[in-house]
Amino acid sequence: MSGDRTSPPPAQMTSASETAKRLLPWLVAVAFFLESLDTTILNTAIPTISTALKVAPLSMKAVLASYTLSLAVFIPISGWMADHFGTRRVFASAIGLFTLGSILCGLSGDIHELVACRVLQGCGGAMMVPVGRLTLVRTYPKSQLVRMMSFVSIPALVGPMLGPIAGGLIVAYLHWRLIFFVNVRSDWSGCGWSIATCPITRRSRRRRSMWWG
């Protein structure tokens, strides 16, 4: 009896589910935008950062390449992780890892720390994009899937174009470390929303139960 009194009515649960479903494409779109923005945002800030870290500008190639390479390395395993641990958990963890990497990049004191933190940031970004697409596939019917995929793909295309402009403006009028901190507020909001909105499918639950025995 006490369980019946505390459980929400079906209409309220349906309304919350519909709200989460409407917000999910925006969450995935923001994640796509941030991941693609960070591929180019450092390009125009390289001279300023190299001067601050007291290294040659050519040494900053490792900072640029480490993020891109980590994306390429960790993207293939993101689907496997989503199947075994659930889309909600992996997507929220990816956003959290991307946020942690961004904070540590902004706090780096030398180029070696910056490269290591960019790898961590790329690891989180690599899992955000494919798991975000997988979440949409498992949430929306086929009749709406093309429209949703087109919606979330537009920010991913705009991000690399805005990256050099945003990086140049930040180093010109603010501090170069803010390049990495611009992700933090959006990432924490996205992490909270992903816990509330991303579904854990029955397939994921079944595979996790088999995985954990």
N, C-alpha and C. Protein backbone atom coordinates (compact mmCIF):
# COMPACT_ATOMS: atom_id res chain seq x y z
N MET A 1 0.83 -1.20 0.00
CA MET A 1 0.00 0.00 0.00
C MET A 1 0.86 1.25 0.00
N SER A 2 1.91 1.22 0.82
CA SER A 2 2.78 2.39 0.86
C SER A 2 3.47 2.60 -0.47
N GLY A 3 3.78 1.48 -1.19
CA GLY A 3 4.41 1.63 -2.50
C GLY A 3 3.48 2.25 -3.50
N ASP A 4 2.14 1.93 -3.38
CA ASP A 4 1.19 2.52 -4.30
C ASP A 4 1.03 4.02 -4.07
N ARG A 5 1.15 4.44 -2.82
CA ARG A 5 0.98 5.86 -2.54
C ARG A 5 2.17 6.68 -3.03
N THR A 6 3.36 6.11 -3.00
CA THR A 6 4.54 6.88 -3.39
C THR A 6 4.80 6.84 -4.89
N SER A 7 4.27 5.91 -5.62
CA SER A 7 4.53 5.82 -7.05
C SER A 7 3.74 6.88 -7.79
N PRO A 8 4.35 7.58 -8.81
CA PRO A 8 3.65 8.62 -9.55
C PRO A 8 2.58 8.02 -10.43
N PRO A 9 1.53 8.80 -10.70
CA PRO A 9 0.46 8.30 -11.57
C PRO A 9 0.96 8.09 -12.98
N PRO A 10 0.33 7.18 -13.76
CA PRO A 10 0.80 6.90 -15.13
C PRO A 10 0.82 8.12 -16.02
N ALA A 11 -0.17 9.02 -15.88
CA ALA A 11 -0.20 10.21 -16.72
C ALA A 11 1.01 11.10 -16.48
N GLN A 12 1.40 11.21 -15.21
CA GLN A 12 2.58 12.02 -14.88
C GLN A 12 3.84 11.39 -15.42
N MET A 13 3.96 10.07 -15.34
CA MET A 13 5.13 9.39 -15.89
C MET A 13 5.20 9.55 -17.39
N THR A 14 4.05 9.49 -18.08
CA THR A 14 4.03 9.67 -19.53
C THR A 14 4.43 11.07 -19.91
N SER A 15 3.96 12.08 -19.15
CA SER A 15 4.33 13.46 -19.43
C SER A 15 5.82 13.69 -19.26
N ALA A 16 6.41 13.13 -18.19
CA ALA A 16 7.85 13.27 -17.97
C ALA A 16 8.64 12.59 -19.08
N SER A 17 8.15 11.42 -19.52
CA SER A 17 8.84 10.71 -20.59
C SER A 17 8.81 11.50 -21.90
N GLU A 18 7.67 12.13 -22.20
CA GLU A 18 7.57 12.93 -23.41
C GLU A 18 8.47 14.16 -23.34
N THR A 19 8.55 14.78 -22.16
CA THR A 19 9.43 15.93 -22.01
C THR A 19 10.89 15.54 -22.22
N ALA A 20 11.28 14.42 -21.63
CA ALA A 20 12.66 13.94 -21.80
C ALA A 20 12.94 13.61 -23.25
N LYS A 21 11.96 13.07 -23.94
CA LYS A 21 12.14 12.71 -25.34
C LYS A 21 12.34 13.94 -26.20
N ARG A 22 11.63 15.02 -25.88
CA ARG A 22 11.80 16.26 -26.65
C ARG A 22 13.15 16.92 -26.38
N LEU A 23 13.67 16.78 -25.16
CA LEU A 23 14.94 17.42 -24.81
C LEU A 23 16.15 16.62 -25.28
N LEU A 24 15.96 15.35 -25.53
CA LEU A 24 17.09 14.50 -25.89
C LEU A 24 17.83 14.97 -27.14
N PRO A 25 17.15 15.35 -28.25
CA PRO A 25 17.92 15.82 -29.41
C PRO A 25 18.75 17.06 -29.13
N TRP A 26 18.27 17.95 -28.26
CA TRP A 26 19.05 19.14 -27.91
C TRP A 26 20.29 18.76 -27.13
N LEU A 27 20.15 17.82 -26.22
CA LEU A 27 21.30 17.35 -25.46
C LEU A 27 22.37 16.75 -26.37
N VAL A 28 21.95 15.90 -27.29
CA VAL A 28 22.90 15.26 -28.20
C VAL A 28 23.52 16.30 -29.13
N ALA A 29 22.71 17.28 -29.58
CA ALA A 29 23.23 18.33 -30.47
C ALA A 29 24.31 19.15 -29.78
N VAL A 30 24.09 19.50 -28.52
CA VAL A 30 25.10 20.26 -27.77
C VAL A 30 26.38 19.44 -27.60
N ALA A 31 26.24 18.16 -27.31
CA ALA A 31 27.42 17.29 -27.17
C ALA A 31 28.19 17.22 -28.48
N PHE A 32 27.47 17.09 -29.60
CA PHE A 32 28.13 17.05 -30.91
C PHE A 32 28.86 18.36 -31.18
N PHE A 33 28.22 19.48 -30.83
CA PHE A 33 28.81 20.79 -31.08
C PHE A 33 30.10 20.97 -30.30
N LEU A 34 30.08 20.63 -29.00
CA LEU A 34 31.27 20.80 -28.17
C LEU A 34 32.41 19.91 -28.64
N GLU A 35 32.08 18.67 -29.02
CA GLU A 35 33.12 17.75 -29.48
C GLU A 35 33.78 18.25 -30.75
N SER A 36 32.98 18.76 -31.69
CA SER A 36 33.55 19.26 -32.95
C SER A 36 34.22 20.61 -32.77
N LEU A 37 33.72 21.44 -31.84
CA LEU A 37 34.32 22.75 -31.60
C LEU A 37 35.76 22.61 -31.13
N ASP A 38 36.01 21.63 -30.27
CA ASP A 38 37.35 21.48 -29.69
C ASP A 38 38.37 20.92 -30.67
N THR A 39 37.94 20.49 -31.85
CA THR A 39 38.91 20.04 -32.85
C THR A 39 39.65 21.20 -33.49
N THR A 40 39.07 22.41 -33.48
CA THR A 40 39.68 23.55 -34.17
C THR A 40 39.86 24.78 -33.30
N ILE A 41 39.33 24.78 -32.07
CA ILE A 41 39.34 26.02 -31.29
C ILE A 41 40.75 26.45 -30.89
N LEU A 42 41.70 25.51 -30.87
CA LEU A 42 43.07 25.85 -30.49
C LEU A 42 43.91 26.36 -31.65
N ASN A 43 43.42 26.25 -32.86
CA ASN A 43 44.26 26.56 -34.03
C ASN A 43 44.79 27.98 -34.01
N THR A 44 43.93 28.95 -33.72
CA THR A 44 44.37 30.35 -33.73
C THR A 44 44.99 30.77 -32.40
N ALA A 45 44.94 29.90 -31.40
CA ALA A 45 45.50 30.25 -30.09
C ALA A 45 46.88 29.65 -29.87
N ILE A 46 47.40 28.93 -30.85
CA ILE A 46 48.69 28.26 -30.69
C ILE A 46 49.82 29.21 -30.33
N PRO A 47 50.01 30.36 -31.00
CA PRO A 47 51.13 31.24 -30.62
C PRO A 47 51.04 31.73 -29.18
N THR A 48 49.85 32.08 -28.75
CA THR A 48 49.69 32.57 -27.37
C THR A 48 49.96 31.48 -26.36
N ILE A 49 49.45 30.27 -26.61
CA ILE A 49 49.64 29.18 -25.66
C ILE A 49 51.10 28.74 -25.62
N SER A 50 51.74 28.69 -26.78
CA SER A 50 53.15 28.29 -26.81
C SER A 50 54.02 29.29 -26.06
N THR A 51 53.70 30.57 -26.15
CA THR A 51 54.44 31.59 -25.40
C THR A 51 54.22 31.43 -23.90
N ALA A 52 52.96 31.15 -23.51
CA ALA A 52 52.65 30.99 -22.10
C ALA A 52 53.32 29.76 -21.51
N LEU A 53 53.40 28.69 -22.28
CA LEU A 53 54.02 27.45 -21.80
C LEU A 53 55.52 27.39 -22.07
N LYS A 54 56.04 28.41 -22.73
CA LYS A 54 57.48 28.55 -23.01
C LYS A 54 58.01 27.39 -23.86
N VAL A 55 57.29 27.10 -24.94
CA VAL A 55 57.72 26.08 -25.89
C VAL A 55 57.62 26.68 -27.29
N ALA A 56 58.26 26.01 -28.25
CA ALA A 56 58.18 26.46 -29.63
C ALA A 56 56.79 26.18 -30.19
N PRO A 57 56.29 27.05 -31.08
CA PRO A 57 54.95 26.82 -31.66
C PRO A 57 54.82 25.47 -32.34
N LEU A 58 55.91 24.97 -32.97
CA LEU A 58 55.83 23.67 -33.64
C LEU A 58 55.63 22.53 -32.64
N SER A 59 56.03 22.73 -31.40
CA SER A 59 55.82 21.70 -30.39
C SER A 59 54.36 21.52 -30.04
N MET A 60 53.55 22.51 -30.39
CA MET A 60 52.12 22.43 -30.10
C MET A 60 51.37 21.49 -31.03
N LYS A 61 52.07 20.94 -32.02
CA LYS A 61 51.41 19.97 -32.90
C LYS A 61 50.90 18.77 -32.11
N ALA A 62 51.64 18.39 -31.08
CA ALA A 62 51.21 17.25 -30.26
C ALA A 62 49.90 17.55 -29.54
N VAL A 63 49.69 18.79 -29.15
CA VAL A 63 48.45 19.17 -28.47
C VAL A 63 47.27 19.05 -29.42
N LEU A 64 47.46 19.47 -30.66
CA LEU A 64 46.39 19.39 -31.64
C LEU A 64 46.11 17.96 -32.06
N ALA A 65 47.19 17.19 -32.29
CA ALA A 65 47.03 15.84 -32.80
C ALA A 65 46.51 14.87 -31.73
N SER A 66 46.85 15.10 -30.47
CA SER A 66 46.46 14.16 -29.42
C SER A 66 44.94 14.07 -29.29
N TYR A 67 44.25 15.18 -29.43
CA TYR A 67 42.79 15.16 -29.32
C TYR A 67 42.17 14.39 -30.48
N THR A 68 42.64 14.68 -31.69
CA THR A 68 42.09 14.02 -32.88
C THR A 68 42.38 12.53 -32.87
N LEU A 69 43.59 12.15 -32.48
CA LEU A 69 43.94 10.73 -32.45
C LEU A 69 43.16 9.97 -31.38
N SER A 70 42.94 10.59 -30.24
CA SER A 70 42.16 9.92 -29.21
C SER A 70 40.71 9.73 -29.64
N LEU A 71 40.17 10.66 -30.42
CA LEU A 71 38.84 10.47 -30.99
C LEU A 71 38.81 9.23 -31.87
N ALA A 72 39.81 9.11 -32.73
CA ALA A 72 39.85 7.97 -33.66
C ALA A 72 40.06 6.65 -32.95
N VAL A 73 40.78 6.66 -31.84
CA VAL A 73 41.08 5.41 -31.14
C VAL A 73 39.89 4.92 -30.34
N PHE A 74 39.18 5.83 -29.66
CA PHE A 74 38.15 5.41 -28.72
C PHE A 74 36.75 5.34 -29.32
N ILE A 75 36.54 5.88 -30.51
CA ILE A 75 35.21 5.80 -31.11
C ILE A 75 34.78 4.35 -31.36
N PRO A 76 35.65 3.45 -31.87
CA PRO A 76 35.19 2.08 -32.15
C PRO A 76 34.69 1.31 -30.92
N ILE A 77 35.18 1.61 -29.73
CA ILE A 77 34.75 0.84 -28.56
C ILE A 77 33.53 1.43 -27.88
N SER A 78 33.07 2.60 -28.32
CA SER A 78 31.95 3.25 -27.64
C SER A 78 30.65 2.47 -27.80
N GLY A 79 30.42 1.89 -28.98
CA GLY A 79 29.22 1.09 -29.18
C GLY A 79 29.20 -0.15 -28.30
N TRP A 80 30.34 -0.80 -28.17
CA TRP A 80 30.45 -1.98 -27.29
C TRP A 80 30.16 -1.60 -25.84
N MET A 81 30.67 -0.46 -25.39
CA MET A 81 30.44 -0.02 -24.03
C MET A 81 28.97 0.31 -23.80
N ALA A 82 28.32 0.93 -24.80
CA ALA A 82 26.90 1.26 -24.65
C ALA A 82 26.06 0.01 -24.54
N ASP A 83 26.40 -1.03 -25.30
CA ASP A 83 25.64 -2.28 -25.24
C ASP A 83 25.80 -2.99 -23.90
N HIS A 84 26.97 -2.89 -23.31
CA HIS A 84 27.24 -3.64 -22.09
C HIS A 84 26.90 -2.86 -20.82
N PHE A 85 27.00 -1.55 -20.85
CA PHE A 85 26.79 -0.75 -19.64
C PHE A 85 25.59 0.17 -19.73
N GLY A 86 24.94 0.28 -20.89
CA GLY A 86 23.76 1.12 -21.02
C GLY A 86 24.08 2.48 -21.61
N THR A 87 23.21 2.97 -22.47
CA THR A 87 23.46 4.26 -23.13
C THR A 87 23.48 5.41 -22.14
N ARG A 88 22.57 5.37 -21.15
CA ARG A 88 22.52 6.47 -20.19
C ARG A 88 23.83 6.59 -19.41
N ARG A 89 24.30 5.46 -18.91
CA ARG A 89 25.51 5.48 -18.09
C ARG A 89 26.73 5.87 -18.92
N VAL A 90 26.87 5.33 -20.12
CA VAL A 90 28.04 5.64 -20.95
C VAL A 90 28.00 7.08 -21.42
N PHE A 91 26.81 7.57 -21.81
CA PHE A 91 26.72 8.94 -22.30
C PHE A 91 27.02 9.94 -21.18
N ALA A 92 26.46 9.70 -19.99
CA ALA A 92 26.74 10.59 -18.87
C ALA A 92 28.22 10.53 -18.48
N SER A 93 28.81 9.34 -18.51
CA SER A 93 30.23 9.21 -18.19
C SER A 93 31.10 9.90 -19.22
N ALA A 94 30.69 9.83 -20.50
CA ALA A 94 31.46 10.49 -21.55
C ALA A 94 31.45 12.00 -21.37
N ILE A 95 30.29 12.56 -21.04
CA ILE A 95 30.21 14.00 -20.81
C ILE A 95 31.04 14.38 -19.59
N GLY A 96 30.97 13.57 -18.54
CA GLY A 96 31.77 13.85 -17.36
C GLY A 96 33.26 13.78 -17.63
N LEU A 97 33.67 12.78 -18.42
CA LEU A 97 35.08 12.64 -18.77
C LEU A 97 35.55 13.80 -19.64
N PHE A 98 34.72 14.22 -20.57
CA PHE A 98 35.04 15.37 -21.42
C PHE A 98 35.17 16.63 -20.58
N THR A 99 34.28 16.79 -19.60
CA THR A 99 34.35 17.96 -18.71
C THR A 99 35.61 17.94 -17.88
N LEU A 100 35.94 16.78 -17.31
CA LEU A 100 37.16 16.66 -16.51
C LEU A 100 38.39 16.96 -17.34
N GLY A 101 38.43 16.43 -18.57
CA GLY A 101 39.56 16.72 -19.44
C GLY A 101 39.67 18.20 -19.76
N SER A 102 38.53 18.86 -19.96
CA SER A 102 38.55 20.30 -20.26
C SER A 102 39.09 21.09 -19.09
N ILE A 103 38.65 20.74 -17.87
CA ILE A 103 39.13 21.46 -16.68
C ILE A 103 40.63 21.26 -16.49
N LEU A 104 41.08 20.03 -16.65
CA LEU A 104 42.51 19.75 -16.47
C LEU A 104 43.35 20.42 -17.56
N CYS A 105 42.81 20.52 -18.77
CA CYS A 105 43.54 21.25 -19.83
C CYS A 105 43.72 22.71 -19.45
N GLY A 106 42.66 23.31 -18.90
CA GLY A 106 42.75 24.70 -18.49
C GLY A 106 43.69 24.93 -17.33
N LEU A 107 43.95 23.90 -16.54
CA LEU A 107 44.84 24.02 -15.38
C LEU A 107 46.26 23.54 -15.67
N SER A 108 46.53 23.06 -16.87
CA SER A 108 47.84 22.49 -17.20
C SER A 108 48.94 23.53 -17.07
N GLY A 109 50.07 23.07 -16.53
CA GLY A 109 51.19 23.97 -16.34
C GLY A 109 52.29 23.82 -17.37
N ASP A 110 52.32 22.73 -18.13
CA ASP A 110 53.32 22.54 -19.18
C ASP A 110 52.69 21.77 -20.32
N ILE A 111 53.43 21.62 -21.39
CA ILE A 111 52.89 21.01 -22.60
C ILE A 111 52.60 19.53 -22.42
N HIS A 112 53.38 18.85 -21.59
CA HIS A 112 53.16 17.43 -21.38
C HIS A 112 51.83 17.18 -20.66
N GLU A 113 51.55 17.98 -19.67
CA GLU A 113 50.26 17.87 -18.99
C GLU A 113 49.12 18.20 -19.94
N LEU A 114 49.31 19.19 -20.78
CA LEU A 114 48.26 19.60 -21.72
C LEU A 114 47.97 18.49 -22.72
N VAL A 115 49.01 17.82 -23.22
CA VAL A 115 48.81 16.72 -24.16
C VAL A 115 48.05 15.58 -23.49
N ALA A 116 48.44 15.22 -22.27
CA ALA A 116 47.78 14.13 -21.57
C ALA A 116 46.31 14.45 -21.30
N CYS A 117 46.04 15.68 -20.94
CA CYS A 117 44.65 16.07 -20.66
C CYS A 117 43.83 16.17 -21.95
N ARG A 118 44.46 16.51 -23.05
CA ARG A 118 43.75 16.52 -24.33
C ARG A 118 43.37 15.10 -24.74
N VAL A 119 44.21 14.13 -24.43
CA VAL A 119 43.87 12.73 -24.69
C VAL A 119 42.65 12.33 -23.87
N LEU A 120 42.63 12.73 -22.61
CA LEU A 120 41.47 12.44 -21.75
C LEU A 120 40.22 13.12 -22.28
N GLN A 121 40.35 14.34 -22.71
CA GLN A 121 39.22 15.06 -23.29
C GLN A 121 38.72 14.39 -24.56
N GLY A 122 39.64 13.95 -25.40
CA GLY A 122 39.25 13.26 -26.63
C GLY A 122 38.59 11.93 -26.37
N CYS A 123 38.99 11.25 -25.30
CA CYS A 123 38.35 9.99 -24.93
C CYS A 123 36.88 10.20 -24.60
N GLY A 124 36.58 11.26 -23.83
CA GLY A 124 35.19 11.57 -23.54
C GLY A 124 34.42 11.99 -24.77
N GLY A 125 35.04 12.82 -25.62
CA GLY A 125 34.37 13.25 -26.84
C GLY A 125 34.11 12.11 -27.80
N ALA A 126 35.02 11.14 -27.83
CA ALA A 126 34.85 10.00 -28.73
C ALA A 126 33.63 9.18 -28.37
N MET A 127 33.32 9.08 -27.08
CA MET A 127 32.16 8.29 -26.67
C MET A 127 30.86 9.08 -26.75
N MET A 128 30.94 10.41 -26.70
CA MET A 128 29.71 11.21 -26.75
C MET A 128 28.99 11.08 -28.08
N VAL A 129 29.72 11.15 -29.19
CA VAL A 129 29.07 11.24 -30.50
C VAL A 129 28.38 9.93 -30.91
N PRO A 130 29.08 8.79 -30.97
CA PRO A 130 28.37 7.57 -31.39
C PRO A 130 27.32 7.10 -30.40
N VAL A 131 27.56 7.28 -29.11
CA VAL A 131 26.56 6.87 -28.13
C VAL A 131 25.34 7.79 -28.20
N GLY A 132 25.57 9.07 -28.51
CA GLY A 132 24.45 9.97 -28.70
C GLY A 132 23.58 9.56 -29.88
N ARG A 133 24.22 9.16 -30.97
CA ARG A 133 23.46 8.66 -32.13
C ARG A 133 22.72 7.38 -31.77
N LEU A 134 23.38 6.49 -31.05
CA LEU A 134 22.74 5.24 -30.65
C LEU A 134 21.53 5.49 -29.77
N THR A 135 21.61 6.51 -28.92
CA THR A 135 20.48 6.86 -28.06
C THR A 135 19.29 7.30 -28.90
N LEU A 136 19.54 8.09 -29.93
CA LEU A 136 18.45 8.53 -30.80
C LEU A 136 17.83 7.36 -31.55
N VAL A 137 18.67 6.44 -32.00
CA VAL A 137 18.17 5.27 -32.73
C VAL A 137 17.25 4.44 -31.84
N ARG A 138 17.60 4.32 -30.57
CA ARG A 138 16.82 3.49 -29.65
C ARG A 138 15.61 4.21 -29.07
N THR A 139 15.53 5.53 -29.29
CA THR A 139 14.45 6.31 -28.69
C THR A 139 13.35 6.65 -29.69
N TYR A 140 13.74 6.98 -30.93
CA TYR A 140 12.77 7.46 -31.91
C TYR A 140 12.44 6.38 -32.94
N PRO A 141 11.21 6.38 -33.44
CA PRO A 141 10.86 5.42 -34.51
C PRO A 141 11.53 5.79 -35.82
N LYS A 142 11.51 4.86 -36.77
CA LYS A 142 12.19 5.08 -38.04
C LYS A 142 11.64 6.27 -38.80
N SER A 143 10.37 6.56 -38.64
CA SER A 143 9.75 7.67 -39.36
C SER A 143 10.31 9.03 -38.92
N GLN A 144 10.84 9.13 -37.69
CA GLN A 144 11.38 10.39 -37.18
C GLN A 144 12.91 10.40 -37.13
N LEU A 145 13.53 9.27 -37.41
CA LEU A 145 14.96 9.14 -37.17
C LEU A 145 15.79 10.03 -38.09
N VAL A 146 15.41 10.11 -39.36
CA VAL A 146 16.18 10.93 -40.30
C VAL A 146 16.13 12.40 -39.88
N ARG A 147 14.97 12.87 -39.47
CA ARG A 147 14.84 14.26 -39.05
C ARG A 147 15.67 14.54 -37.80
N MET A 148 15.67 13.62 -36.85
CA MET A 148 16.45 13.81 -35.63
C MET A 148 17.95 13.79 -35.92
N MET A 149 18.38 12.89 -36.78
CA MET A 149 19.80 12.82 -37.14
C MET A 149 20.26 14.09 -37.85
N SER A 150 19.41 14.63 -38.71
CA SER A 150 19.75 15.87 -39.40
C SER A 150 19.84 17.03 -38.41
N PHE A 151 18.95 17.03 -37.43
CA PHE A 151 18.94 18.10 -36.43
C PHE A 151 20.22 18.11 -35.61
N VAL A 152 20.67 16.97 -35.15
CA VAL A 152 21.86 16.92 -34.29
C VAL A 152 23.15 17.03 -35.10
N SER A 153 23.10 16.81 -36.41
CA SER A 153 24.31 16.88 -37.23
C SER A 153 24.69 18.31 -37.59
N ILE A 154 23.72 19.22 -37.59
CA ILE A 154 24.01 20.61 -37.97
C ILE A 154 25.01 21.26 -37.01
N PRO A 155 24.84 21.17 -35.68
CA PRO A 155 25.85 21.75 -34.79
C PRO A 155 27.24 21.14 -34.97
N ALA A 156 27.31 19.86 -35.31
CA ALA A 156 28.61 19.22 -35.52
C ALA A 156 29.32 19.79 -36.74
N LEU A 157 28.55 20.27 -37.71
CA LEU A 157 29.14 20.88 -38.90
C LEU A 157 29.53 22.34 -38.65
N VAL A 158 28.79 23.00 -37.77
CA VAL A 158 29.06 24.41 -37.48
C VAL A 158 30.25 24.56 -36.53
N GLY A 159 30.42 23.61 -35.60
CA GLY A 159 31.46 23.71 -34.60
C GLY A 159 32.86 23.94 -35.13
N PRO A 160 33.34 23.15 -36.12
CA PRO A 160 34.70 23.40 -36.63
C PRO A 160 34.88 24.76 -37.30
N MET A 161 33.81 25.32 -37.83
CA MET A 161 33.91 26.66 -38.44
C MET A 161 33.99 27.76 -37.39
N LEU A 162 33.29 27.58 -36.27
CA LEU A 162 33.30 28.59 -35.22
C LEU A 162 34.51 28.47 -34.31
N GLY A 163 35.18 27.29 -34.31
CA GLY A 163 36.30 27.07 -33.41
C GLY A 163 37.42 28.09 -33.54
N PRO A 164 37.99 28.31 -34.72
CA PRO A 164 39.08 29.29 -34.83
C PRO A 164 38.65 30.71 -34.46
N ILE A 165 37.42 31.06 -34.79
CA ILE A 165 36.93 32.41 -34.45
C ILE A 165 36.83 32.55 -32.93
N ALA A 166 36.22 31.55 -32.28
CA ALA A 166 36.06 31.61 -30.83
C ALA A 166 37.42 31.61 -30.13
N GLY A 167 38.33 30.75 -30.58
CA GLY A 167 39.66 30.72 -29.98
C GLY A 167 40.41 32.02 -30.14
N GLY A 168 40.32 32.63 -31.32
CA GLY A 168 40.99 33.90 -31.55
C GLY A 168 40.44 35.02 -30.68
N LEU A 169 39.11 35.06 -30.52
CA LEU A 169 38.50 36.10 -29.69
C LEU A 169 38.87 35.93 -28.22
N ILE A 170 38.93 34.69 -27.77
CA ILE A 170 39.24 34.44 -26.36
C ILE A 170 40.67 34.87 -26.04
N VAL A 171 41.63 34.50 -26.88
CA VAL A 171 43.02 34.85 -26.59
C VAL A 171 43.27 36.35 -26.81
N ALA A 172 42.45 37.00 -27.64
CA ALA A 172 42.64 38.42 -27.90
C ALA A 172 42.10 39.29 -26.77
N TYR A 173 40.98 38.89 -26.19
CA TYR A 173 40.32 39.74 -25.20
C TYR A 173 40.27 39.14 -23.80
N LEU A 174 40.52 37.85 -23.66
CA LEU A 174 40.44 37.19 -22.36
C LEU A 174 41.75 36.42 -22.11
N HIS A 175 41.68 35.28 -21.45
CA HIS A 175 42.85 34.45 -21.18
C HIS A 175 42.72 33.13 -21.93
N TRP A 176 43.84 32.59 -22.38
CA TRP A 176 43.78 31.38 -23.20
C TRP A 176 43.20 30.18 -22.46
N ARG A 177 43.32 30.15 -21.14
CA ARG A 177 42.78 29.02 -20.39
C ARG A 177 41.26 28.95 -20.46
N LEU A 178 40.61 30.06 -20.72
CA LEU A 178 39.15 30.06 -20.83
C LEU A 178 38.66 29.29 -22.06
N ILE A 179 39.55 29.01 -22.99
CA ILE A 179 39.18 28.18 -24.15
C ILE A 179 38.66 26.82 -23.68
N PHE A 180 39.25 26.29 -22.64
CA PHE A 180 38.84 24.98 -22.15
C PHE A 180 37.68 25.08 -21.15
N PHE A 181 37.58 26.20 -20.47
CA PHE A 181 36.53 26.33 -19.46
C PHE A 181 35.17 26.65 -20.04
N VAL A 182 35.12 27.06 -21.32
CA VAL A 182 33.81 27.36 -21.91
C VAL A 182 32.95 26.10 -22.01
N ASN A 183 33.57 24.92 -21.98
CA ASN A 183 32.80 23.67 -22.09
C ASN A 183 32.15 23.26 -20.77
N VAL A 184 32.66 23.76 -19.66
CA VAL A 184 32.34 23.16 -18.38
C VAL A 184 30.86 23.29 -18.02
N ARG A 185 30.30 24.48 -18.15
CA ARG A 185 28.91 24.67 -17.73
C ARG A 185 27.96 23.85 -18.59
N SER A 186 28.18 23.86 -19.90
CA SER A 186 27.31 23.09 -20.79
C SER A 186 27.46 21.60 -20.53
N ASP A 187 28.68 21.15 -20.24
CA ASP A 187 28.91 19.73 -20.01
C ASP A 187 28.23 19.23 -18.74
N TRP A 188 28.29 20.01 -17.67
CA TRP A 188 27.64 19.56 -16.43
C TRP A 188 26.13 19.54 -16.58
N SER A 189 25.58 20.54 -17.31
CA SER A 189 24.14 20.53 -17.57
C SER A 189 23.76 19.30 -18.40
N GLY A 190 24.59 19.03 -19.42
CA GLY A 190 24.31 17.87 -20.26
C GLY A 190 24.43 16.57 -19.52
N CYS A 191 25.37 16.49 -18.57
CA CYS A 191 25.52 15.27 -17.79
C CYS A 191 24.28 15.00 -16.95
N GLY A 192 23.75 16.05 -16.35
CA GLY A 192 22.53 15.88 -15.56
C GLY A 192 21.34 15.50 -16.41
N TRP A 193 21.21 16.15 -17.58
CA TRP A 193 20.09 15.82 -18.44
C TRP A 193 20.21 14.42 -19.02
N SER A 194 21.42 13.98 -19.27
CA SER A 194 21.58 12.64 -19.85
C SER A 194 21.15 11.57 -18.86
N ILE A 195 21.39 11.80 -17.58
CA ILE A 195 20.95 10.83 -16.57
C ILE A 195 19.42 10.75 -16.56
N ALA A 196 18.78 11.89 -16.81
CA ALA A 196 17.32 11.92 -16.75
C ALA A 196 16.65 11.48 -18.04
N THR A 197 17.33 11.64 -19.19
CA THR A 197 16.64 11.45 -20.46
C THR A 197 17.07 10.23 -21.24
N CYS A 198 18.33 9.86 -21.20
CA CYS A 198 18.81 8.77 -22.06
C CYS A 198 18.25 7.45 -21.57
N PRO A 199 17.60 6.70 -22.45
CA PRO A 199 17.01 5.44 -22.01
C PRO A 199 18.05 4.34 -21.86
N ILE A 200 17.78 3.43 -20.89
CA ILE A 200 18.54 2.18 -20.81
C ILE A 200 17.63 1.10 -21.37
N THR A 201 17.98 0.58 -22.50
CA THR A 201 17.10 -0.36 -23.17
C THR A 201 17.16 -1.72 -22.51
N ARG A 202 16.16 -2.55 -22.83
CA ARG A 202 16.15 -3.91 -22.30
C ARG A 202 17.35 -4.70 -22.78
N ARG A 203 17.74 -4.41 -24.03
CA ARG A 203 18.90 -5.12 -24.56
C ARG A 203 20.14 -4.81 -23.74
N SER A 204 20.28 -3.54 -23.36
CA SER A 204 21.45 -3.17 -22.57
C SER A 204 21.40 -3.81 -21.21
N ARG A 205 20.19 -3.82 -20.58
CA ARG A 205 20.08 -4.44 -19.27
C ARG A 205 20.43 -5.93 -19.33
N ARG A 206 19.93 -6.61 -20.37
CA ARG A 206 20.17 -8.04 -20.49
C ARG A 206 21.65 -8.32 -20.69
N ARG A 207 22.30 -7.51 -21.52
CA ARG A 207 23.72 -7.75 -21.77
C ARG A 207 24.55 -7.43 -20.53
N ARG A 208 24.13 -6.42 -19.77
CA ARG A 208 24.89 -6.11 -18.56
C ARG A 208 24.74 -7.21 -17.54
N SER A 209 23.52 -7.78 -17.44
CA SER A 209 23.33 -8.88 -16.50
C SER A 209 24.16 -10.10 -16.89
N MET A 210 24.27 -10.35 -18.21
CA MET A 210 25.11 -11.45 -18.67
C MET A 210 26.58 -11.14 -18.40
N TRP A 211 26.96 -9.84 -18.58
CA TRP A 211 28.35 -9.45 -18.41
C TRP A 211 28.78 -9.60 -16.95
N TRP A 212 27.87 -9.12 -16.05
CA TRP A 212 28.23 -9.18 -14.64
C TRP A 212 27.92 -10.52 -14.01
N GLY A 213 27.21 -11.39 -14.77
CA GLY A 213 26.89 -12.70 -14.22
C GLY A 213 25.71 -12.62 -13.25
